[in-house]
Amino acid sequence: MAGGQKRNALVVPEARKAMEQFKMEVAREIGITEPDSGYWGNYTSRDCGAVGGHMVRKMVEAYQRQLSGGGGGGPTR
């Protein structure tokens, strides 16, 4: 049974605006036109999943770069 729509809470609520901008940037990069209203409910699950997946990929890549000191190697022990 559906219990209504659930929303994911941000760990750092102050990051909401930056995350929305990041989502729109990623959507443009993969060729998805962002909704003017901000409502993504009219988009397919595949499109929304592609945006979310690319966001995660970019965040993991950024963290790995941070761990490696910006170079090509892994973290030092």
PDB file of N, CA and C in Angstrom:
ATOM      1  N   MET A   1       0.826  -1.180   0.000  1.00  0.00           N
ATOM      2  CA  MET A   1       0.000   0.000   0.000  1.00  0.00           C
ATOM      3  C   MET A   1       0.872   1.245   0.000  1.00  0.00           C
ATOM      4  N   ALA A   2       0.418   2.221  -0.690  1.00  0.00           N
ATOM      5  CA  ALA A   2       1.157   3.474  -0.752  1.00  0.00           C
ATOM      6  C   ALA A   2       0.862   4.292   0.499  1.00  0.00           C
ATOM      7  N   GLY A   3       1.926   4.752   1.122  1.00  0.00           N
ATOM      8  CA  GLY A   3       1.764   5.546   2.327  1.00  0.00           C
ATOM      9  C   GLY A   3       2.020   7.015   2.083  1.00  0.00           C
ATOM     10  N   GLY A   4       1.950   7.432   0.855  1.00  0.00           N
ATOM     11  CA  GLY A   4       2.252   8.818   0.528  1.00  0.00           C
ATOM     12  C   GLY A   4       3.694   8.946   0.071  1.00  0.00           C
ATOM     13  N   GLN A   5       3.990  10.094  -0.448  1.00  0.00           N
ATOM     14  CA  GLN A   5       5.336  10.328  -0.970  1.00  0.00           C
ATOM     15  C   GLN A   5       6.302  10.605   0.174  1.00  0.00           C
ATOM     16  N   LYS A   6       7.451   9.943   0.120  1.00  0.00           N
ATOM     17  CA  LYS A   6       8.482  10.168   1.122  1.00  0.00           C
ATOM     18  C   LYS A   6       9.563  11.032   0.519  1.00  0.00           C
ATOM     19  N   ARG A   7      10.159  11.853   1.318  1.00  0.00           N
ATOM     20  CA  ARG A   7      11.202  12.744   0.833  1.00  0.00           C
ATOM     21  C   ARG A   7      12.509  12.419   1.537  1.00  0.00           C
ATOM     22  N   ASN A   8      13.584  12.466   0.784  1.00  0.00           N
ATOM     23  CA  ASN A   8      14.891  12.246   1.373  1.00  0.00           C
ATOM     24  C   ASN A   8      15.350  13.533   2.044  1.00  0.00           C
ATOM     25  N   ALA A   9      15.766  13.409   3.282  1.00  0.00           N
ATOM     26  CA  ALA A   9      16.259  14.571   4.014  1.00  0.00           C
ATOM     27  C   ALA A   9      17.760  14.695   3.778  1.00  0.00           C
ATOM     28  N   LEU A  10      18.220  15.912   3.562  1.00  0.00           N
ATOM     29  CA  LEU A  10      19.652  16.134   3.402  1.00  0.00           C
ATOM     30  C   LEU A  10      20.330  16.049   4.756  1.00  0.00           C
ATOM     31  N   VAL A  11      21.518  15.483   4.788  1.00  0.00           N
ATOM     32  CA  VAL A  11      22.298  15.426   6.020  1.00  0.00           C
ATOM     33  C   VAL A  11      22.688  16.840   6.429  1.00  0.00           C
ATOM     34  N   VAL A  12      23.003  17.670   5.437  1.00  0.00           N
ATOM     35  CA  VAL A  12      23.357  19.073   5.670  1.00  0.00           C
ATOM     36  C   VAL A  12      22.298  19.924   4.956  1.00  0.00           C
ATOM     37  N   PRO A  13      21.246  20.330   5.678  1.00  0.00           N
ATOM     38  CA  PRO A  13      20.157  21.072   5.037  1.00  0.00           C
ATOM     39  C   PRO A  13      20.607  22.354   4.332  1.00  0.00           C
ATOM     40  N   GLU A  14      21.696  22.942   4.788  1.00  0.00           N
ATOM     41  CA  GLU A  14      22.199  24.168   4.167  1.00  0.00           C
ATOM     42  C   GLU A  14      22.677  23.931   2.732  1.00  0.00           C
ATOM     43  N   ALA A  15      22.855  22.673   2.362  1.00  0.00           N
ATOM     44  CA  ALA A  15      23.356  22.330   1.030  1.00  0.00           C
ATOM     45  C   ALA A  15      22.238  22.185  -0.005  1.00  0.00           C
ATOM     46  N   ARG A  16      20.999  22.405   0.392  1.00  0.00           N
ATOM     47  CA  ARG A  16      19.862  22.170  -0.514  1.00  0.00           C
ATOM     48  C   ARG A  16      19.996  22.930  -1.832  1.00  0.00           C
ATOM     49  N   LYS A  17      20.294  24.216  -1.767  1.00  0.00           N
ATOM     50  CA  LYS A  17      20.382  25.029  -2.982  1.00  0.00           C
ATOM     51  C   LYS A  17      21.507  24.525  -3.888  1.00  0.00           C
ATOM     52  N   ALA A  18      22.651  24.214  -3.299  1.00  0.00           N
ATOM     53  CA  ALA A  18      23.784  23.712  -4.087  1.00  0.00           C
ATOM     54  C   ALA A  18      23.447  22.370  -4.732  1.00  0.00           C
ATOM     55  N   MET A  19      22.729  21.505  -4.020  1.00  0.00           N
ATOM     56  CA  MET A  19      22.366  20.203  -4.581  1.00  0.00           C
ATOM     57  C   MET A  19      21.374  20.366  -5.735  1.00  0.00           C
ATOM     58  N   GLU A  20      20.451  21.304  -5.611  1.00  0.00           N
ATOM     59  CA  GLU A  20      19.507  21.563  -6.706  1.00  0.00           C
ATOM     60  C   GLU A  20      20.248  22.076  -7.940  1.00  0.00           C
ATOM     61  N   GLN A  21      21.210  22.969  -7.730  1.00  0.00           N
ATOM     62  CA  GLN A  21      22.000  23.486  -8.854  1.00  0.00           C
ATOM     63  C   GLN A  21      22.812  22.365  -9.492  1.00  0.00           C
ATOM     64  N   PHE A  22      23.370  21.489  -8.656  1.00  0.00           N
ATOM     65  CA  PHE A  22      24.152  20.353  -9.144  1.00  0.00           C
ATOM     66  C   PHE A  22      23.269  19.428  -9.976  1.00  0.00           C
ATOM     67  N   LYS A  23      22.041  19.174  -9.497  1.00  0.00           N
ATOM     68  CA  LYS A  23      21.112  18.315 -10.229  1.00  0.00           C
ATOM     69  C   LYS A  23      20.799  18.899 -11.602  1.00  0.00           C
ATOM     70  N   MET A  24      20.553  20.202 -11.659  1.00  0.00           N
ATOM     71  CA  MET A  24      20.242  20.847 -12.936  1.00  0.00           C
ATOM     72  C   MET A  24      21.448  20.808 -13.880  1.00  0.00           C
ATOM     73  N   GLU A  25      22.641  21.010 -13.336  1.00  0.00           N
ATOM     74  CA  GLU A  25      23.866  20.951 -14.146  1.00  0.00           C
ATOM     75  C   GLU A  25      24.049  19.565 -14.749  1.00  0.00           C
ATOM     76  N   VAL A  26      23.858  18.535 -13.941  1.00  0.00           N
ATOM     77  CA  VAL A  26      24.007  17.159 -14.423  1.00  0.00           C
ATOM     78  C   VAL A  26      22.938  16.843 -15.461  1.00  0.00           C
ATOM     79  N   ALA A  27      21.709  17.273 -15.224  1.00  0.00           N
ATOM     80  CA  ALA A  27      20.625  17.024 -16.183  1.00  0.00           C
ATOM     81  C   ALA A  27      20.975  17.633 -17.542  1.00  0.00           C
ATOM     82  N   ARG A  28      21.484  18.871 -17.540  1.00  0.00           N
ATOM     83  CA  ARG A  28      21.875  19.511 -18.808  1.00  0.00           C
ATOM     84  C   ARG A  28      23.002  18.734 -19.481  1.00  0.00           C
ATOM     85  N   GLU A  29      23.984  18.271 -18.690  1.00  0.00           N
ATOM     86  CA  GLU A  29      25.116  17.534 -19.263  1.00  0.00           C
ATOM     87  C   GLU A  29      24.680  16.270 -19.980  1.00  0.00           C
ATOM     88  N   ILE A  30      23.650  15.601 -19.481  1.00  0.00           N
ATOM     89  CA  ILE A  30      23.234  14.348 -20.114  1.00  0.00           C
ATOM     90  C   ILE A  30      22.057  14.549 -21.067  1.00  0.00           C
ATOM     91  N   GLY A  31      21.699  15.808 -21.321  1.00  0.00           N
ATOM     92  CA  GLY A  31      20.707  16.110 -22.344  1.00  0.00           C
ATOM     93  C   GLY A  31      19.261  16.072 -21.893  1.00  0.00           C
ATOM     94  N   ILE A  32      19.027  16.200 -20.599  1.00  0.00           N
ATOM     95  CA  ILE A  32      17.652  16.227 -20.093  1.00  0.00           C
ATOM     96  C   ILE A  32      17.302  17.668 -19.768  1.00  0.00           C
ATOM     97  N   THR A  33      16.199  18.142 -20.346  1.00  0.00           N
ATOM     98  CA  THR A  33      15.756  19.505 -20.105  1.00  0.00           C
ATOM     99  C   THR A  33      15.140  19.580 -18.719  1.00  0.00           C
ATOM    100  N   GLU A  34      15.649  20.485 -17.911  1.00  0.00           N
ATOM    101  CA  GLU A  34      15.137  20.599 -16.544  1.00  0.00           C
ATOM    102  C   GLU A  34      13.742  21.194 -16.544  1.00  0.00           C
ATOM    103  N   PRO A  35      12.886  20.757 -15.619  1.00  0.00           N
ATOM    104  CA  PRO A  35      11.522  21.298 -15.571  1.00  0.00           C
ATOM    105  C   PRO A  35      11.512  22.725 -15.045  1.00  0.00           C
ATOM    106  N   ASP A  36      10.770  23.596 -15.712  1.00  0.00           N
ATOM    107  CA  ASP A  36      10.667  24.996 -15.274  1.00  0.00           C
ATOM    108  C   ASP A  36      10.027  25.097 -13.892  1.00  0.00           C
ATOM    109  N   SER A  37       9.092  24.207 -13.622  1.00  0.00           N
ATOM    110  CA  SER A  37       8.359  24.263 -12.360  1.00  0.00           C
ATOM    111  C   SER A  37       9.137  23.662 -11.196  1.00  0.00           C
ATOM    112  N   GLY A  38      10.198  22.885 -11.518  1.00  0.00           N
ATOM    113  CA  GLY A  38      10.939  22.206 -10.469  1.00  0.00           C
ATOM    114  C   GLY A  38      10.343  20.844 -10.127  1.00  0.00           C
ATOM    115  N   TYR A  39       9.227  20.493 -10.754  1.00  0.00           N
ATOM    116  CA  TYR A  39       8.545  19.221 -10.504  1.00  0.00           C
ATOM    117  C   TYR A  39       9.035  18.182 -11.498  1.00  0.00           C
ATOM    118  N   TRP A  40       9.655  17.130 -10.993  1.00  0.00           N
ATOM    119  CA  TRP A  40      10.230  16.089 -11.836  1.00  0.00           C
ATOM    120  C   TRP A  40       9.270  14.915 -12.039  1.00  0.00           C
ATOM    121  N   GLY A  41       8.048  14.993 -11.513  1.00  0.00           N
ATOM    122  CA  GLY A  41       7.104  13.876 -11.568  1.00  0.00           C
ATOM    123  C   GLY A  41       6.630  13.507 -12.962  1.00  0.00           C
ATOM    124  N   ASN A  42       6.785  14.401 -13.934  1.00  0.00           N
ATOM    125  CA  ASN A  42       6.352  14.094 -15.296  1.00  0.00           C
ATOM    126  C   ASN A  42       7.462  13.461 -16.129  1.00  0.00           C
ATOM    127  N   TYR A  43       8.620  13.236 -15.520  1.00  0.00           N
ATOM    128  CA  TYR A  43       9.740  12.609 -16.223  1.00  0.00           C
ATOM    129  C   TYR A  43       9.728  11.115 -15.938  1.00  0.00           C
ATOM    130  N   THR A  44      10.321  10.349 -16.836  1.00  0.00           N
ATOM    131  CA  THR A  44      10.354   8.902 -16.638  1.00  0.00           C
ATOM    132  C   THR A  44      11.311   8.548 -15.511  1.00  0.00           C
ATOM    133  N   SER A  45      11.093   7.378 -14.943  1.00  0.00           N
ATOM    134  CA  SER A  45      12.000   6.880 -13.904  1.00  0.00           C
ATOM    135  C   SER A  45      13.403   6.726 -14.461  1.00  0.00           C
ATOM    136  N   ARG A  46      13.492   6.347 -15.718  1.00  0.00           N
ATOM    137  CA  ARG A  46      14.791   6.169 -16.362  1.00  0.00           C
ATOM    138  C   ARG A  46      15.553   7.491 -16.414  1.00  0.00           C
ATOM    139  N   ASP A  47      14.874   8.571 -16.806  1.00  0.00           N
ATOM    140  CA  ASP A  47      15.529   9.883 -16.878  1.00  0.00           C
ATOM    141  C   ASP A  47      15.949  10.368 -15.496  1.00  0.00           C
ATOM    142  N   CYS A  48      15.046  10.255 -14.516  1.00  0.00           N
ATOM    143  CA  CYS A  48      15.376  10.703 -13.159  1.00  0.00           C
ATOM    144  C   CYS A  48      16.510   9.855 -12.580  1.00  0.00           C
ATOM    145  N   GLY A  49      16.473   8.570 -12.853  1.00  0.00           N
ATOM    146  CA  GLY A  49      17.534   7.681 -12.383  1.00  0.00           C
ATOM    147  C   GLY A  49      18.866   8.007 -13.023  1.00  0.00           C
ATOM    148  N   ALA A  50      18.833   8.392 -14.297  1.00  0.00           N
ATOM    149  CA  ALA A  50      20.070   8.762 -14.980  1.00  0.00           C
ATOM    150  C   ALA A  50      20.679  10.007 -14.345  1.00  0.00           C
ATOM    151  N   VAL A  51      19.851  10.974 -13.999  1.00  0.00           N
ATOM    152  CA  VAL A  51      20.354  12.188 -13.353  1.00  0.00           C
ATOM    153  C   VAL A  51      20.961  11.828 -12.001  1.00  0.00           C
ATOM    154  N   GLY A  52      20.228  11.062 -11.197  1.00  0.00           N
ATOM    155  CA  GLY A  52      20.730  10.668  -9.880  1.00  0.00           C
ATOM    156  C   GLY A  52      22.005   9.840  -9.973  1.00  0.00           C
ATOM    157  N   GLY A  53      22.047   8.926 -10.920  1.00  0.00           N
ATOM    158  CA  GLY A  53      23.230   8.087 -11.096  1.00  0.00           C
ATOM    159  C   GLY A  53      24.455   8.881 -11.481  1.00  0.00           C
ATOM    160  N   HIS A  54      24.278   9.846 -12.378  1.00  0.00           N
ATOM    161  CA  HIS A  54      25.404  10.686 -12.787  1.00  0.00           C
ATOM    162  C   HIS A  54      25.855  11.593 -11.642  1.00  0.00           C
ATOM    163  N   MET A  55      24.900  12.042 -10.827  1.00  0.00           N
ATOM    164  CA  MET A  55      25.265  12.861  -9.672  1.00  0.00           C
ATOM    165  C   MET A  55      26.154  12.057  -8.724  1.00  0.00           C
ATOM    166  N   VAL A  56      25.741  10.830  -8.433  1.00  0.00           N
ATOM    167  CA  VAL A  56      26.521   9.981  -7.532  1.00  0.00           C
ATOM    168  C   VAL A  56      27.899   9.700  -8.121  1.00  0.00           C
ATOM    169  N   ARG A  57      27.949   9.405  -9.410  1.00  0.00           N
ATOM    170  CA  ARG A  57      29.235   9.129 -10.058  1.00  0.00           C
ATOM    171  C   ARG A  57      30.182  10.321  -9.919  1.00  0.00           C
ATOM    172  N   LYS A  58      29.660  11.534 -10.129  1.00  0.00           N
ATOM    173  CA  LYS A  58      30.496  12.733 -10.022  1.00  0.00           C
ATOM    174  C   LYS A  58      30.932  12.979  -8.575  1.00  0.00           C
ATOM    175  N   MET A  59      30.047  12.722  -7.615  1.00  0.00           N
ATOM    176  CA  MET A  59      30.413  12.916  -6.207  1.00  0.00           C
ATOM    177  C   MET A  59      31.483  11.916  -5.775  1.00  0.00           C
ATOM    178  N   VAL A  60      31.356  10.666  -6.198  1.00  0.00           N
ATOM    179  CA  VAL A  60      32.364   9.656  -5.865  1.00  0.00           C
ATOM    180  C   VAL A  60      33.700  10.018  -6.505  1.00  0.00           C
ATOM    181  N   GLU A  61      33.663  10.448  -7.759  1.00  0.00           N
ATOM    182  CA  GLU A  61      34.888  10.847  -8.445  1.00  0.00           C
ATOM    183  C   GLU A  61      35.572  12.005  -7.711  1.00  0.00           C
ATOM    184  N   ALA A  62      34.792  13.000  -7.297  1.00  0.00           N
ATOM    185  CA  ALA A  62      35.358  14.144  -6.579  1.00  0.00           C
ATOM    186  C   ALA A  62      35.983  13.703  -5.258  1.00  0.00           C
ATOM    187  N   TYR A  63      35.331  12.790  -4.556  1.00  0.00           N
ATOM    188  CA  TYR A  63      35.865  12.322  -3.283  1.00  0.00           C
ATOM    189  C   TYR A  63      37.139  11.517  -3.496  1.00  0.00           C
ATOM    190  N   GLN A  64      37.165  10.689  -4.523  1.00  0.00           N
ATOM    191  CA  GLN A  64      38.368   9.917  -4.808  1.00  0.00           C
ATOM    192  C   GLN A  64      39.533  10.834  -5.152  1.00  0.00           C
ATOM    193  N   ARG A  65      39.264  11.893  -5.899  1.00  0.00           N
ATOM    194  CA  ARG A  65      40.319  12.869  -6.209  1.00  0.00           C
ATOM    195  C   ARG A  65      40.827  13.533  -4.936  1.00  0.00           C
ATOM    196  N   GLN A  66      39.897  13.858  -4.039  1.00  0.00           N
ATOM    197  CA  GLN A  66      40.273  14.477  -2.770  1.00  0.00           C
ATOM    198  C   GLN A  66      41.150  13.524  -1.952  1.00  0.00           C
ATOM    199  N   LEU A  67      40.775  12.251  -1.898  1.00  0.00           N
ATOM    200  CA  LEU A  67      41.550  11.269  -1.157  1.00  0.00           C
ATOM    201  C   LEU A  67      42.944  11.082  -1.718  1.00  0.00           C
ATOM    202  N   SER A  68      43.038  11.175  -3.037  1.00  0.00           N
ATOM    203  CA  SER A  68      44.325  10.928  -3.679  1.00  0.00           C
ATOM    204  C   SER A  68      45.177  12.196  -3.743  1.00  0.00           C
ATOM    205  N   GLY A  69      44.695  13.268  -3.173  1.00  0.00           N
ATOM    206  CA  GLY A  69      45.449  14.522  -3.208  1.00  0.00           C
ATOM    207  C   GLY A  69      45.389  15.194  -4.558  1.00  0.00           C
ATOM    208  N   GLY A  70      44.390  14.851  -5.364  1.00  0.00           N
ATOM    209  CA  GLY A  70      44.238  15.472  -6.673  1.00  0.00           C
ATOM    210  C   GLY A  70      45.058  14.799  -7.751  1.00  0.00           C
ATOM    211  N   GLY A  71      45.894  13.852  -7.400  1.00  0.00           N
ATOM    212  CA  GLY A  71      46.736  13.151  -8.382  1.00  0.00           C
ATOM    213  C   GLY A  71      46.078  11.876  -8.856  1.00  0.00           C
ATOM    214  N   GLY A  72      46.869  11.033  -9.468  1.00  0.00           N
ATOM    215  CA  GLY A  72      46.345   9.801 -10.039  1.00  0.00           C
ATOM    216  C   GLY A  72      46.423   8.613  -9.118  1.00  0.00           C
ATOM    217  N   GLY A  73      47.096   8.719  -7.971  1.00  0.00           N
ATOM    218  CA  GLY A  73      47.273   7.578  -7.085  1.00  0.00           C
ATOM    219  C   GLY A  73      46.177   7.463  -6.046  1.00  0.00           C
ATOM    220  N   GLY A  74      46.276   6.432  -5.249  1.00  0.00           N
ATOM    221  CA  GLY A  74      45.312   6.215  -4.175  1.00  0.00           C
ATOM    222  C   GLY A  74      45.760   6.892  -2.889  1.00  0.00           C
ATOM    223  N   PRO A  75      45.004   6.702  -1.820  1.00  0.00           N
ATOM    224  CA  PRO A  75      45.375   7.315  -0.546  1.00  0.00           C
ATOM    225  C   PRO A  75      46.664   6.713  -0.002  1.00  0.00           C
ATOM    226  N   THR A  76      47.451   7.524   0.658  1.00  0.00           N
ATOM    227  CA  THR A  76      48.701   7.036   1.240  1.00  0.00           C
ATOM    228  C   THR A  76      48.439   6.515   2.635  1.00  0.00           C
ATOM    229  N   ARG A  77      49.235   5.573   3.060  1.00  0.00           N
ATOM    230  CA  ARG A  77      49.049   4.971   4.393  1.00  0.00           C
ATOM    231  C   ARG A  77      50.161   5.369   5.304  1.00  0.00           C
TER     232      ARG A  77
END
